[in-house]
Amino acid sequence: MNELCITIHNVTDTDHEALIRHIKRTLYDYDPELQVTIPESSFWLSSRKGHSRLYYSECHFIETASRHLLFHCTDKVIRKKGRICELLKRLPEDTFFRCNNSYIVNLHHVREVLPEGDRYSLRLRSGAVVPLSRSHYHECRIKLGILNVSDS
């Protein structure tokens, strides 16, 4: 059996799915027996306990606490020493957004933007509520597709 592994980077979710369908269709036309696997996007976390792979889809949000990063995932919270600004450089901009000085949120997990007086928060699909600073409110709405760039 022939096998092909493809890794795709820096593509939005909508484009990603369409691209995967197109690749699979094209390769099937070329060789119907070819098995195509496209791994989910992820990054590695290293600590004294070893290394673990964290898939973007599992990570709901990341917060800083006492010089540590707390990765709030689907079924666990991972604590790792680090700086939020250094981590942000490693994450894809179309998936992760720094919504506050202490928080990075996975945009695919945001359910709604909540106004709270003169402040804002993001409610995630998990039910968690993450603060959204006023200075990042406008950019967040653009990234979520609530506000077009031309509307600003």
N, C-alpha and C. Protein backbone atom coordinates (compact mmCIF):
# COMPACT_ATOMS: atom_id res chain seq x y z
N MET A 1 0.84 -1.17 0.00
CA MET A 1 0.00 0.00 0.00
C MET A 1 0.89 1.24 0.00
N ASN A 2 0.56 2.22 -0.84
CA ASN A 2 1.28 3.48 -0.88
C ASN A 2 0.72 4.41 0.18
N GLU A 3 1.59 5.23 0.77
CA GLU A 3 1.16 6.14 1.80
C GLU A 3 1.84 7.48 1.62
N LEU A 4 1.10 8.56 1.86
CA LEU A 4 1.62 9.90 1.72
C LEU A 4 1.19 10.70 2.95
N CYS A 5 2.12 11.41 3.56
CA CYS A 5 1.82 12.25 4.72
C CYS A 5 2.08 13.69 4.32
N ILE A 6 1.09 14.55 4.54
CA ILE A 6 1.18 15.96 4.15
C ILE A 6 1.01 16.81 5.39
N THR A 7 1.85 17.83 5.56
CA THR A 7 1.71 18.77 6.66
C THR A 7 1.40 20.14 6.06
N ILE A 8 0.35 20.78 6.58
CA ILE A 8 -0.10 22.06 6.06
C ILE A 8 0.02 23.10 7.17
N HIS A 9 0.60 24.25 6.87
CA HIS A 9 0.78 25.32 7.86
C HIS A 9 0.15 26.62 7.35
N ASN A 10 -0.23 27.48 8.28
CA ASN A 10 -0.68 28.85 8.01
C ASN A 10 -1.84 28.92 7.03
N VAL A 11 -2.86 28.11 7.26
CA VAL A 11 -4.06 28.14 6.45
C VAL A 11 -5.24 28.22 7.40
N THR A 12 -6.24 29.07 7.09
CA THR A 12 -7.40 29.18 7.97
C THR A 12 -8.17 27.88 7.97
N ASP A 13 -9.02 27.67 8.99
CA ASP A 13 -9.78 26.42 9.09
C ASP A 13 -10.63 26.15 7.87
N THR A 14 -11.33 27.18 7.37
CA THR A 14 -12.18 27.00 6.21
C THR A 14 -11.36 26.60 4.99
N ASP A 15 -10.27 27.33 4.75
CA ASP A 15 -9.40 27.02 3.62
C ASP A 15 -8.72 25.67 3.82
N HIS A 16 -8.40 25.33 5.06
CA HIS A 16 -7.73 24.08 5.39
C HIS A 16 -8.58 22.90 4.97
N GLU A 17 -9.87 22.91 5.34
CA GLU A 17 -10.77 21.81 4.99
C GLU A 17 -10.94 21.70 3.48
N ALA A 18 -11.11 22.83 2.81
CA ALA A 18 -11.26 22.81 1.35
C ALA A 18 -9.99 22.30 0.69
N LEU A 19 -8.84 22.72 1.21
CA LEU A 19 -7.56 22.27 0.66
C LEU A 19 -7.38 20.76 0.85
N ILE A 20 -7.74 20.24 2.01
CA ILE A 20 -7.64 18.81 2.27
C ILE A 20 -8.53 18.01 1.31
N ARG A 21 -9.78 18.48 1.14
CA ARG A 21 -10.68 17.79 0.21
C ARG A 21 -10.11 17.79 -1.20
N HIS A 22 -9.57 18.92 -1.64
CA HIS A 22 -9.00 19.04 -2.98
C HIS A 22 -7.79 18.12 -3.15
N ILE A 23 -6.91 18.09 -2.16
CA ILE A 23 -5.71 17.23 -2.23
C ILE A 23 -6.12 15.77 -2.31
N LYS A 24 -7.05 15.37 -1.43
CA LYS A 24 -7.48 13.96 -1.43
C LYS A 24 -8.14 13.58 -2.74
N ARG A 25 -8.99 14.45 -3.28
CA ARG A 25 -9.66 14.18 -4.55
C ARG A 25 -8.65 14.05 -5.69
N THR A 26 -7.70 14.97 -5.72
CA THR A 26 -6.68 14.97 -6.77
C THR A 26 -5.81 13.71 -6.69
N LEU A 27 -5.38 13.37 -5.48
CA LEU A 27 -4.54 12.18 -5.31
C LEU A 27 -5.32 10.90 -5.59
N TYR A 28 -6.61 10.89 -5.26
CA TYR A 28 -7.43 9.71 -5.55
C TYR A 28 -7.54 9.50 -7.06
N ASP A 29 -7.69 10.61 -7.80
CA ASP A 29 -7.74 10.50 -9.26
C ASP A 29 -6.43 9.95 -9.81
N TYR A 30 -5.33 10.31 -9.17
CA TYR A 30 -4.01 9.85 -9.59
C TYR A 30 -3.80 8.37 -9.22
N ASP A 31 -4.11 8.02 -7.96
CA ASP A 31 -3.91 6.65 -7.48
C ASP A 31 -4.96 6.33 -6.41
N PRO A 32 -6.04 5.61 -6.78
CA PRO A 32 -7.12 5.32 -5.83
C PRO A 32 -6.67 4.51 -4.61
N GLU A 33 -5.54 3.86 -4.67
CA GLU A 33 -5.06 3.02 -3.57
C GLU A 33 -4.20 3.81 -2.57
N LEU A 34 -3.87 5.04 -2.92
CA LEU A 34 -2.99 5.85 -2.08
C LEU A 34 -3.73 6.28 -0.82
N GLN A 35 -3.14 6.05 0.36
CA GLN A 35 -3.70 6.46 1.65
C GLN A 35 -3.09 7.80 2.03
N VAL A 36 -3.93 8.81 2.22
CA VAL A 36 -3.45 10.16 2.55
C VAL A 36 -3.78 10.46 4.00
N THR A 37 -2.77 10.84 4.79
CA THR A 37 -3.00 11.28 6.17
C THR A 37 -2.44 12.69 6.33
N ILE A 38 -3.23 13.54 6.93
CA ILE A 38 -2.81 14.91 7.17
C ILE A 38 -2.89 15.14 8.68
N PRO A 39 -1.72 15.20 9.35
CA PRO A 39 -1.73 15.32 10.82
C PRO A 39 -2.28 16.67 11.29
N GLU A 40 -2.89 16.63 12.46
CA GLU A 40 -3.42 17.85 13.07
C GLU A 40 -2.27 18.74 13.53
N SER A 41 -2.46 20.04 13.43
CA SER A 41 -1.43 21.00 13.84
C SER A 41 -1.21 20.92 15.35
N SER A 42 0.07 21.01 15.74
CA SER A 42 0.41 20.90 17.15
C SER A 42 1.75 21.57 17.42
N PHE A 43 2.10 21.65 18.69
CA PHE A 43 3.43 22.08 19.08
C PHE A 43 3.86 21.28 20.30
N TRP A 44 5.15 21.29 20.57
CA TRP A 44 5.71 20.49 21.66
C TRP A 44 5.94 21.36 22.88
N LEU A 45 5.61 20.82 24.05
CA LEU A 45 5.90 21.46 25.32
C LEU A 45 6.95 20.62 26.03
N SER A 46 7.99 21.27 26.51
CA SER A 46 9.05 20.56 27.23
C SER A 46 9.07 21.00 28.68
N SER A 47 9.28 20.03 29.55
CA SER A 47 9.39 20.31 30.99
C SER A 47 10.33 19.28 31.60
N ARG A 48 10.53 19.36 32.93
CA ARG A 48 11.38 18.39 33.60
C ARG A 48 10.81 16.98 33.52
N LYS A 49 9.51 16.88 33.36
CA LYS A 49 8.85 15.58 33.28
C LYS A 49 8.93 14.97 31.88
N GLY A 50 9.44 15.72 30.92
CA GLY A 50 9.56 15.20 29.55
C GLY A 50 8.94 16.14 28.53
N HIS A 51 8.60 15.60 27.40
CA HIS A 51 8.04 16.37 26.30
C HIS A 51 6.65 15.85 25.99
N SER A 52 5.73 16.77 25.69
CA SER A 52 4.39 16.34 25.30
C SER A 52 3.90 17.19 24.15
N ARG A 53 3.15 16.54 23.26
CA ARG A 53 2.60 17.23 22.10
C ARG A 53 1.25 17.81 22.50
N LEU A 54 1.04 19.08 22.16
CA LEU A 54 -0.23 19.74 22.44
C LEU A 54 -0.86 20.12 21.11
N TYR A 55 -2.02 19.56 20.83
CA TYR A 55 -2.73 19.88 19.59
C TYR A 55 -3.47 21.19 19.76
N TYR A 56 -3.41 22.02 18.73
CA TYR A 56 -4.06 23.33 18.78
C TYR A 56 -5.54 23.20 19.13
N SER A 57 -6.21 22.22 18.57
CA SER A 57 -7.65 22.07 18.79
C SER A 57 -7.99 21.74 20.24
N GLU A 58 -7.05 21.15 20.98
CA GLU A 58 -7.29 20.80 22.38
C GLU A 58 -7.06 21.95 23.34
N CYS A 59 -6.31 22.94 22.92
CA CYS A 59 -5.93 24.06 23.79
C CYS A 59 -6.99 25.17 23.68
N HIS A 60 -7.73 25.42 24.76
CA HIS A 60 -8.78 26.42 24.76
C HIS A 60 -8.22 27.82 25.00
N PHE A 61 -7.39 27.95 26.02
CA PHE A 61 -6.74 29.23 26.28
C PHE A 61 -5.50 29.01 27.13
N ILE A 62 -4.66 30.04 27.17
CA ILE A 62 -3.40 29.98 27.92
C ILE A 62 -3.36 31.22 28.80
N GLU A 63 -2.97 31.06 30.04
CA GLU A 63 -2.84 32.21 30.93
C GLU A 63 -1.50 32.18 31.65
N THR A 64 -1.08 33.35 32.13
CA THR A 64 0.15 33.42 32.90
C THR A 64 -0.20 33.46 34.38
N ALA A 65 0.63 32.82 35.18
CA ALA A 65 0.46 32.84 36.64
C ALA A 65 1.82 32.59 37.28
N SER A 66 2.33 33.56 37.98
CA SER A 66 3.60 33.42 38.71
C SER A 66 4.73 32.86 37.84
N ARG A 67 5.01 33.52 36.75
CA ARG A 67 6.09 33.13 35.83
C ARG A 67 5.88 31.77 35.16
N HIS A 68 4.67 31.28 35.19
CA HIS A 68 4.33 30.03 34.53
C HIS A 68 3.23 30.28 33.51
N LEU A 69 3.15 29.40 32.55
CA LEU A 69 2.06 29.40 31.58
C LEU A 69 1.14 28.24 31.94
N LEU A 70 -0.14 28.51 31.98
CA LEU A 70 -1.13 27.47 32.24
C LEU A 70 -1.90 27.24 30.94
N PHE A 71 -1.76 26.04 30.38
CA PHE A 71 -2.44 25.67 29.14
C PHE A 71 -3.74 24.97 29.54
N HIS A 72 -4.87 25.63 29.32
CA HIS A 72 -6.17 25.06 29.65
C HIS A 72 -6.65 24.28 28.44
N CYS A 73 -6.63 22.96 28.57
CA CYS A 73 -6.95 22.07 27.46
C CYS A 73 -8.28 21.36 27.71
N THR A 74 -8.70 20.59 26.74
CA THR A 74 -9.98 19.89 26.81
C THR A 74 -10.11 19.05 28.07
N ASP A 75 -9.07 18.29 28.43
CA ASP A 75 -9.19 17.38 29.56
C ASP A 75 -8.10 17.55 30.62
N LYS A 76 -7.34 18.64 30.53
CA LYS A 76 -6.27 18.84 31.52
C LYS A 76 -5.78 20.29 31.49
N VAL A 77 -5.03 20.64 32.52
CA VAL A 77 -4.33 21.93 32.57
C VAL A 77 -2.85 21.60 32.70
N ILE A 78 -2.05 22.15 31.79
CA ILE A 78 -0.61 21.90 31.80
C ILE A 78 0.09 23.16 32.27
N ARG A 79 0.98 23.01 33.24
CA ARG A 79 1.75 24.13 33.79
C ARG A 79 3.19 24.03 33.29
N LYS A 80 3.70 25.14 32.76
CA LYS A 80 5.06 25.16 32.22
C LYS A 80 5.67 26.53 32.46
N LYS A 81 6.94 26.55 32.79
CA LYS A 81 7.62 27.85 32.93
C LYS A 81 7.75 28.47 31.55
N GLY A 82 7.58 29.78 31.50
CA GLY A 82 7.73 30.46 30.23
C GLY A 82 7.10 31.83 30.24
N ARG A 83 7.31 32.53 29.14
CA ARG A 83 6.77 33.88 28.98
C ARG A 83 5.75 33.88 27.86
N ILE A 84 4.67 34.57 28.09
CA ILE A 84 3.58 34.59 27.13
C ILE A 84 4.00 35.22 25.80
N CYS A 85 4.87 36.22 25.84
CA CYS A 85 5.30 36.88 24.60
C CYS A 85 6.15 35.94 23.74
N GLU A 86 6.97 35.10 24.38
CA GLU A 86 7.78 34.14 23.63
C GLU A 86 6.90 33.04 23.02
N LEU A 87 5.91 32.59 23.78
CA LEU A 87 5.01 31.56 23.28
C LEU A 87 4.20 32.07 22.09
N LEU A 88 3.75 33.30 22.17
CA LEU A 88 2.91 33.87 21.11
C LEU A 88 3.61 33.86 19.76
N LYS A 89 4.93 34.00 19.75
CA LYS A 89 5.70 33.97 18.50
C LYS A 89 5.63 32.60 17.82
N ARG A 90 5.40 31.53 18.61
CA ARG A 90 5.37 30.16 18.08
C ARG A 90 3.98 29.72 17.61
N LEU A 91 2.95 30.49 17.97
CA LEU A 91 1.58 30.08 17.68
C LEU A 91 1.05 30.75 16.41
N PRO A 92 0.20 30.07 15.66
CA PRO A 92 -0.36 30.66 14.44
C PRO A 92 -1.34 31.79 14.76
N GLU A 93 -1.18 32.93 14.08
CA GLU A 93 -2.01 34.11 14.34
C GLU A 93 -3.47 33.91 13.99
N ASP A 94 -3.77 33.02 13.06
CA ASP A 94 -5.16 32.82 12.68
C ASP A 94 -5.90 31.92 13.66
N THR A 95 -5.19 31.31 14.59
CA THR A 95 -5.81 30.42 15.57
C THR A 95 -5.77 30.99 16.98
N PHE A 96 -4.65 31.59 17.36
CA PHE A 96 -4.48 32.10 18.72
C PHE A 96 -4.39 33.62 18.72
N PHE A 97 -4.99 34.24 19.76
CA PHE A 97 -5.06 35.69 19.86
C PHE A 97 -4.79 36.12 21.29
N ARG A 98 -3.92 37.09 21.45
CA ARG A 98 -3.65 37.63 22.79
C ARG A 98 -4.75 38.63 23.11
N CYS A 99 -5.66 38.23 23.97
CA CYS A 99 -6.83 39.05 24.26
C CYS A 99 -6.63 39.95 25.47
N ASN A 100 -5.51 39.78 26.16
CA ASN A 100 -5.25 40.48 27.41
C ASN A 100 -3.76 40.32 27.69
N ASN A 101 -3.20 41.10 28.57
CA ASN A 101 -1.77 40.95 28.89
C ASN A 101 -1.44 39.56 29.43
N SER A 102 -2.41 38.91 30.06
CA SER A 102 -2.16 37.63 30.71
C SER A 102 -2.80 36.43 30.03
N TYR A 103 -3.49 36.64 28.91
CA TYR A 103 -4.24 35.55 28.28
C TYR A 103 -4.03 35.49 26.78
N ILE A 104 -3.97 34.25 26.28
CA ILE A 104 -4.03 33.96 24.84
C ILE A 104 -5.21 33.01 24.68
N VAL A 105 -6.07 33.28 23.72
CA VAL A 105 -7.25 32.46 23.52
C VAL A 105 -7.21 31.79 22.15
N ASN A 106 -7.73 30.56 22.07
CA ASN A 106 -7.88 29.88 20.80
C ASN A 106 -9.18 30.39 20.19
N LEU A 107 -9.09 31.10 19.08
CA LEU A 107 -10.26 31.74 18.47
C LEU A 107 -11.33 30.73 18.05
N HIS A 108 -10.94 29.50 17.79
CA HIS A 108 -11.90 28.49 17.37
C HIS A 108 -12.77 28.00 18.53
N HIS A 109 -12.41 28.35 19.76
CA HIS A 109 -13.18 27.95 20.93
C HIS A 109 -14.05 29.08 21.47
N VAL A 110 -14.00 30.26 20.86
CA VAL A 110 -14.78 31.40 21.35
C VAL A 110 -16.24 31.24 20.91
N ARG A 111 -17.15 31.30 21.89
CA ARG A 111 -18.58 31.20 21.59
C ARG A 111 -19.20 32.58 21.42
N GLU A 112 -18.81 33.54 22.32
CA GLU A 112 -19.40 34.87 22.25
C GLU A 112 -18.53 35.91 22.95
N VAL A 113 -18.75 37.17 22.56
CA VAL A 113 -18.09 38.30 23.20
C VAL A 113 -19.12 38.92 24.13
N LEU A 114 -18.74 39.04 25.41
CA LEU A 114 -19.66 39.54 26.42
C LEU A 114 -19.29 40.95 26.88
N PRO A 115 -20.17 41.93 26.70
CA PRO A 115 -19.91 43.25 27.28
C PRO A 115 -20.27 43.21 28.76
N GLU A 116 -19.39 43.76 29.59
CA GLU A 116 -19.63 43.81 31.03
C GLU A 116 -19.33 45.22 31.51
N GLY A 117 -20.31 46.09 31.40
CA GLY A 117 -20.09 47.50 31.73
C GLY A 117 -19.16 48.12 30.70
N ASP A 118 -18.02 48.63 31.18
CA ASP A 118 -17.04 49.20 30.24
C ASP A 118 -15.94 48.20 29.90
N ARG A 119 -16.13 46.93 30.24
CA ARG A 119 -15.17 45.86 29.97
C ARG A 119 -15.81 44.81 29.07
N TYR A 120 -14.96 43.90 28.59
CA TYR A 120 -15.44 42.80 27.74
C TYR A 120 -14.80 41.49 28.19
N SER A 121 -15.50 40.41 27.87
CA SER A 121 -14.98 39.07 28.13
C SER A 121 -15.32 38.18 26.95
N LEU A 122 -14.62 37.05 26.86
CA LEU A 122 -14.91 36.05 25.85
C LEU A 122 -15.41 34.80 26.55
N ARG A 123 -16.58 34.32 26.16
CA ARG A 123 -17.08 33.05 26.69
C ARG A 123 -16.69 31.97 25.68
N LEU A 124 -16.04 30.93 26.19
CA LEU A 124 -15.60 29.84 25.34
C LEU A 124 -16.64 28.73 25.31
N ARG A 125 -16.51 27.83 24.37
CA ARG A 125 -17.45 26.70 24.25
C ARG A 125 -17.44 25.84 25.51
N SER A 126 -16.32 25.81 26.21
CA SER A 126 -16.21 25.02 27.45
C SER A 126 -16.95 25.68 28.61
N GLY A 127 -17.37 26.94 28.44
CA GLY A 127 -18.04 27.68 29.50
C GLY A 127 -17.10 28.64 30.22
N ALA A 128 -15.80 28.48 30.01
CA ALA A 128 -14.82 29.37 30.65
C ALA A 128 -15.00 30.80 30.12
N VAL A 129 -14.73 31.76 30.97
CA VAL A 129 -14.81 33.17 30.59
C VAL A 129 -13.42 33.77 30.74
N VAL A 130 -12.94 34.41 29.66
CA VAL A 130 -11.60 34.98 29.61
C VAL A 130 -11.72 36.48 29.39
N PRO A 131 -10.98 37.30 30.14
CA PRO A 131 -11.08 38.75 29.95
C PRO A 131 -10.52 39.21 28.60
N LEU A 132 -11.20 40.18 28.02
CA LEU A 132 -10.77 40.79 26.75
C LEU A 132 -10.53 42.26 27.04
N SER A 133 -9.30 42.71 26.85
CA SER A 133 -8.99 44.12 27.15
C SER A 133 -9.62 45.03 26.10
N ARG A 134 -9.91 46.25 26.52
CA ARG A 134 -10.51 47.22 25.59
C ARG A 134 -9.59 47.49 24.41
N SER A 135 -8.28 47.48 24.66
CA SER A 135 -7.33 47.77 23.57
C SER A 135 -7.30 46.66 22.52
N HIS A 136 -7.73 45.44 22.87
CA HIS A 136 -7.74 44.32 21.92
C HIS A 136 -9.14 44.00 21.40
N TYR A 137 -10.15 44.70 21.88
CA TYR A 137 -11.54 44.42 21.52
C TYR A 137 -11.79 44.51 20.02
N HIS A 138 -11.37 45.59 19.41
CA HIS A 138 -11.61 45.83 17.99
C HIS A 138 -10.92 44.76 17.13
N GLU A 139 -9.65 44.49 17.40
CA GLU A 139 -8.91 43.48 16.64
C GLU A 139 -9.52 42.10 16.82
N CYS A 140 -9.99 41.80 18.01
CA CYS A 140 -10.61 40.51 18.29
C CYS A 140 -11.87 40.34 17.45
N ARG A 141 -12.68 41.37 17.37
CA ARG A 141 -13.91 41.30 16.56
C ARG A 141 -13.58 41.06 15.09
N ILE A 142 -12.51 41.67 14.61
CA ILE A 142 -12.09 41.45 13.22
C ILE A 142 -11.66 40.00 13.03
N LYS A 143 -10.84 39.49 13.94
CA LYS A 143 -10.35 38.12 13.83
C LYS A 143 -11.47 37.10 13.93
N LEU A 144 -12.50 37.39 14.71
CA LEU A 144 -13.63 36.49 14.83
C LEU A 144 -14.62 36.61 13.67
N GLY A 145 -14.42 37.63 12.83
CA GLY A 145 -15.31 37.83 11.69
C GLY A 145 -16.58 38.58 12.04
N ILE A 146 -16.59 39.22 13.21
CA ILE A 146 -17.77 40.00 13.65
C ILE A 146 -17.74 41.36 12.99
N LEU A 147 -16.57 41.85 12.69
CA LEU A 147 -16.39 43.18 12.14
C LEU A 147 -15.42 43.08 10.98
N ASN A 148 -15.79 43.60 9.84
CA ASN A 148 -14.89 43.61 8.68
C ASN A 148 -13.86 44.71 8.84
N VAL A 149 -12.69 44.53 8.26
CA VAL A 149 -11.64 45.54 8.33
C VAL A 149 -12.14 46.85 7.74
N SER A 150 -12.96 46.80 6.69
CA SER A 150 -13.48 48.01 6.04
C SER A 150 -14.47 48.77 6.92
N ASP A 151 -15.05 48.10 7.94
CA ASP A 151 -16.00 48.75 8.85
C ASP A 151 -15.32 49.63 9.89
N SER A 152 -14.02 49.47 10.04
CA SER A 152 -13.33 50.19 11.12
C SER A 152 -13.07 51.63 10.81
